[in-house]
Amino acid sequence: MYRIKTSGVCASEIHFDIEGDKIKKVEFIGGCPGNAIGLSNMIVGQSVTEVIKRLRDVKCGGKNTSCPSQLALALEAYL
C-alpha cells in the first residue's frame, strides 16, 4: 500500500493500492467521509492514467487543489 501526505486539503493522507495498471483500493484519511468513500468506490478498477486525467485539475472551493487532485498527483508520482 502506498501512502502520501496531502497538502492544502482536508484529508491528511491518501492510501492506495495498484495492481498492474488498475487501482485496487483508495482510502482518504480525514476529509469528507461520504465524498471520499464515493470517489474511492468509483475509481476502483479504473486505470491509473484515466484516473489521473479525470482528477488532476479538480478544485475544491477557492483552493487550487482538492482531495481528488492530490490523489492524481500521488498517482503521477507512482508512475
N, C-alpha and C. Protein backbone atom coordinates (compact mmCIF):
# COMPACT_ATOMS: atom_id res chain seq x y z
N MET A 1 0.85 -1.17 0.00
CA MET A 1 0.00 0.00 0.00
C MET A 1 0.90 1.24 0.00
N TYR A 2 0.56 2.18 -0.85
CA TYR A 2 1.27 3.46 -0.94
C TYR A 2 0.55 4.46 -0.06
N ARG A 3 1.31 5.31 0.61
CA ARG A 3 0.76 6.33 1.49
C ARG A 3 1.39 7.67 1.14
N ILE A 4 0.55 8.68 0.99
CA ILE A 4 1.08 10.02 0.72
C ILE A 4 0.46 11.02 1.68
N LYS A 5 1.22 12.00 2.07
CA LYS A 5 0.72 13.14 2.85
C LYS A 5 0.17 14.14 1.85
N THR A 6 -0.98 14.69 2.15
CA THR A 6 -1.58 15.66 1.25
C THR A 6 -1.18 17.08 1.66
N SER A 7 -1.50 18.03 0.80
CA SER A 7 -1.18 19.43 1.06
C SER A 7 -2.34 20.32 0.61
N GLY A 8 -2.83 21.16 1.50
CA GLY A 8 -3.85 22.13 1.13
C GLY A 8 -5.26 21.60 1.07
N VAL A 9 -5.50 20.41 1.64
CA VAL A 9 -6.84 19.81 1.62
C VAL A 9 -7.20 19.29 3.01
N CYS A 10 -8.45 18.91 3.19
CA CYS A 10 -8.92 18.43 4.49
C CYS A 10 -8.36 17.06 4.85
N ALA A 11 -8.26 16.17 3.88
CA ALA A 11 -7.69 14.84 4.15
C ALA A 11 -6.20 15.01 4.44
N SER A 12 -5.70 14.30 5.44
CA SER A 12 -4.28 14.43 5.79
C SER A 12 -3.39 13.46 5.03
N GLU A 13 -3.96 12.34 4.60
CA GLU A 13 -3.22 11.31 3.85
C GLU A 13 -4.15 10.62 2.88
N ILE A 14 -3.53 10.00 1.87
CA ILE A 14 -4.25 9.12 0.96
C ILE A 14 -3.45 7.83 0.86
N HIS A 15 -4.14 6.70 1.04
CA HIS A 15 -3.52 5.38 0.91
C HIS A 15 -4.12 4.72 -0.33
N PHE A 16 -3.27 4.07 -1.12
CA PHE A 16 -3.81 3.40 -2.31
C PHE A 16 -2.98 2.18 -2.67
N ASP A 17 -3.64 1.23 -3.32
CA ASP A 17 -3.01 0.03 -3.85
C ASP A 17 -3.25 -0.01 -5.35
N ILE A 18 -2.23 -0.40 -6.09
CA ILE A 18 -2.31 -0.54 -7.54
C ILE A 18 -1.96 -1.99 -7.88
N GLU A 19 -2.71 -2.56 -8.81
CA GLU A 19 -2.41 -3.90 -9.31
C GLU A 19 -2.35 -3.81 -10.83
N GLY A 20 -1.17 -4.04 -11.39
CA GLY A 20 -0.99 -3.83 -12.82
C GLY A 20 -1.12 -2.34 -13.10
N ASP A 21 -2.07 -1.98 -13.96
CA ASP A 21 -2.32 -0.56 -14.22
C ASP A 21 -3.68 -0.13 -13.67
N LYS A 22 -4.25 -0.93 -12.78
CA LYS A 22 -5.58 -0.64 -12.22
C LYS A 22 -5.49 -0.27 -10.74
N ILE A 23 -6.37 0.61 -10.34
CA ILE A 23 -6.46 0.98 -8.94
C ILE A 23 -7.24 -0.11 -8.22
N LYS A 24 -6.64 -0.63 -7.18
CA LYS A 24 -7.25 -1.73 -6.42
C LYS A 24 -7.99 -1.21 -5.18
N LYS A 25 -7.43 -0.18 -4.53
CA LYS A 25 -8.04 0.34 -3.30
C LYS A 25 -7.56 1.77 -3.08
N VAL A 26 -8.46 2.63 -2.57
CA VAL A 26 -8.11 4.00 -2.20
C VAL A 26 -8.78 4.32 -0.88
N GLU A 27 -8.03 4.94 0.03
CA GLU A 27 -8.59 5.36 1.31
C GLU A 27 -8.07 6.75 1.64
N PHE A 28 -9.00 7.67 1.88
CA PHE A 28 -8.65 9.02 2.30
C PHE A 28 -8.71 9.07 3.81
N ILE A 29 -7.69 9.63 4.44
CA ILE A 29 -7.65 9.76 5.90
C ILE A 29 -8.04 11.19 6.24
N GLY A 30 -9.20 11.35 6.84
CA GLY A 30 -9.75 12.67 7.14
C GLY A 30 -10.55 13.18 5.96
N GLY A 31 -10.98 14.41 6.05
CA GLY A 31 -11.76 15.00 4.96
C GLY A 31 -13.23 14.64 5.06
N CYS A 32 -13.93 14.75 3.97
CA CYS A 32 -15.38 14.49 3.88
C CYS A 32 -15.61 13.00 3.65
N PRO A 33 -16.05 12.26 4.66
CA PRO A 33 -16.15 10.81 4.53
C PRO A 33 -17.03 10.34 3.36
N GLY A 34 -18.19 10.92 3.20
CA GLY A 34 -19.08 10.47 2.13
C GLY A 34 -18.48 10.67 0.75
N ASN A 35 -17.92 11.84 0.51
CA ASN A 35 -17.30 12.12 -0.78
C ASN A 35 -16.08 11.22 -1.01
N ALA A 36 -15.29 11.03 0.03
CA ALA A 36 -14.08 10.20 -0.11
C ALA A 36 -14.45 8.75 -0.42
N ILE A 37 -15.43 8.22 0.29
CA ILE A 37 -15.86 6.84 0.04
C ILE A 37 -16.48 6.72 -1.35
N GLY A 38 -17.30 7.69 -1.73
CA GLY A 38 -17.92 7.67 -3.06
C GLY A 38 -16.87 7.71 -4.17
N LEU A 39 -15.92 8.61 -4.04
CA LEU A 39 -14.85 8.71 -5.05
C LEU A 39 -14.06 7.41 -5.10
N SER A 40 -13.70 6.89 -3.95
CA SER A 40 -12.93 5.64 -3.90
C SER A 40 -13.67 4.52 -4.60
N ASN A 41 -14.96 4.38 -4.30
CA ASN A 41 -15.76 3.32 -4.92
C ASN A 41 -15.84 3.49 -6.44
N MET A 42 -15.87 4.72 -6.91
CA MET A 42 -16.00 4.97 -8.35
C MET A 42 -14.71 4.68 -9.12
N ILE A 43 -13.55 4.84 -8.49
CA ILE A 43 -12.32 4.69 -9.26
C ILE A 43 -11.65 3.33 -9.10
N VAL A 44 -12.10 2.52 -8.15
CA VAL A 44 -11.54 1.16 -8.02
C VAL A 44 -11.81 0.41 -9.32
N GLY A 45 -10.77 -0.22 -9.85
CA GLY A 45 -10.88 -0.95 -11.11
C GLY A 45 -10.54 -0.13 -12.34
N GLN A 46 -10.40 1.19 -12.16
CA GLN A 46 -10.07 2.08 -13.28
C GLN A 46 -8.56 2.11 -13.49
N SER A 47 -8.14 2.47 -14.70
CA SER A 47 -6.71 2.57 -14.98
C SER A 47 -6.14 3.82 -14.31
N VAL A 48 -4.90 3.70 -13.88
CA VAL A 48 -4.22 4.81 -13.21
C VAL A 48 -4.19 6.04 -14.11
N THR A 49 -3.85 5.87 -15.37
CA THR A 49 -3.75 7.02 -16.28
C THR A 49 -5.10 7.69 -16.50
N GLU A 50 -6.17 6.93 -16.57
CA GLU A 50 -7.50 7.51 -16.76
C GLU A 50 -7.92 8.31 -15.52
N VAL A 51 -7.64 7.79 -14.35
CA VAL A 51 -7.99 8.50 -13.11
C VAL A 51 -7.18 9.79 -13.01
N ILE A 52 -5.92 9.75 -13.34
CA ILE A 52 -5.09 10.97 -13.33
C ILE A 52 -5.70 12.00 -14.26
N LYS A 53 -6.04 11.59 -15.45
CA LYS A 53 -6.60 12.51 -16.46
C LYS A 53 -7.89 13.16 -15.96
N ARG A 54 -8.74 12.41 -15.29
CA ARG A 54 -10.03 12.92 -14.85
C ARG A 54 -9.96 13.78 -13.58
N LEU A 55 -8.98 13.51 -12.71
CA LEU A 55 -8.97 14.16 -11.40
C LEU A 55 -7.92 15.25 -11.22
N ARG A 56 -6.95 15.31 -12.12
CA ARG A 56 -5.78 16.17 -11.92
C ARG A 56 -6.11 17.63 -11.63
N ASP A 57 -7.03 18.22 -12.31
CA ASP A 57 -7.29 19.66 -12.18
C ASP A 57 -8.56 20.00 -11.41
N VAL A 58 -9.08 19.07 -10.62
CA VAL A 58 -10.28 19.33 -9.81
C VAL A 58 -9.91 20.28 -8.68
N LYS A 59 -10.72 21.30 -8.50
CA LYS A 59 -10.51 22.29 -7.43
C LYS A 59 -11.61 22.12 -6.37
N CYS A 60 -11.32 22.53 -5.14
CA CYS A 60 -12.28 22.46 -4.04
C CYS A 60 -12.49 23.87 -3.51
N GLY A 61 -13.69 24.39 -3.72
CA GLY A 61 -13.99 25.75 -3.27
C GLY A 61 -13.01 26.73 -3.88
N GLY A 62 -12.42 27.59 -3.06
CA GLY A 62 -11.46 28.58 -3.53
C GLY A 62 -10.03 28.08 -3.53
N LYS A 63 -9.83 26.79 -3.24
CA LYS A 63 -8.47 26.24 -3.21
C LYS A 63 -7.98 25.93 -4.61
N ASN A 64 -6.68 25.85 -4.78
CA ASN A 64 -6.09 25.50 -6.07
C ASN A 64 -5.93 24.00 -6.22
N THR A 65 -6.42 23.24 -5.26
CA THR A 65 -6.30 21.78 -5.28
C THR A 65 -7.53 21.17 -4.64
N SER A 66 -7.54 19.86 -4.51
CA SER A 66 -8.64 19.12 -3.88
C SER A 66 -8.12 17.75 -3.51
N CYS A 67 -8.90 16.99 -2.77
CA CYS A 67 -8.50 15.61 -2.46
C CYS A 67 -8.35 14.79 -3.74
N PRO A 68 -9.30 14.89 -4.70
CA PRO A 68 -9.10 14.15 -5.95
C PRO A 68 -7.83 14.57 -6.69
N SER A 69 -7.54 15.87 -6.72
CA SER A 69 -6.34 16.35 -7.39
C SER A 69 -5.08 15.86 -6.68
N GLN A 70 -5.11 15.82 -5.36
CA GLN A 70 -3.96 15.31 -4.60
C GLN A 70 -3.74 13.82 -4.91
N LEU A 71 -4.83 13.07 -5.07
CA LEU A 71 -4.70 11.67 -5.47
C LEU A 71 -4.06 11.56 -6.85
N ALA A 72 -4.51 12.40 -7.78
CA ALA A 72 -3.92 12.37 -9.14
C ALA A 72 -2.43 12.65 -9.09
N LEU A 73 -2.01 13.61 -8.29
CA LEU A 73 -0.59 13.93 -8.16
C LEU A 73 0.18 12.74 -7.57
N ALA A 74 -0.41 12.08 -6.59
CA ALA A 74 0.23 10.90 -5.99
C ALA A 74 0.35 9.77 -7.00
N LEU A 75 -0.69 9.58 -7.80
CA LEU A 75 -0.64 8.53 -8.83
C LEU A 75 0.40 8.85 -9.89
N GLU A 76 0.54 10.13 -10.25
CA GLU A 76 1.60 10.51 -11.20
C GLU A 76 2.96 10.20 -10.63
N ALA A 77 3.16 10.49 -9.35
CA ALA A 77 4.44 10.18 -8.70
C ALA A 77 4.69 8.67 -8.67
N TYR A 78 3.62 7.91 -8.51
CA TYR A 78 3.72 6.44 -8.51
C TYR A 78 4.24 5.93 -9.86
N LEU A 79 3.72 6.54 -10.94
CA LEU A 79 4.14 6.10 -12.28
C LEU A 79 5.59 6.42 -12.51
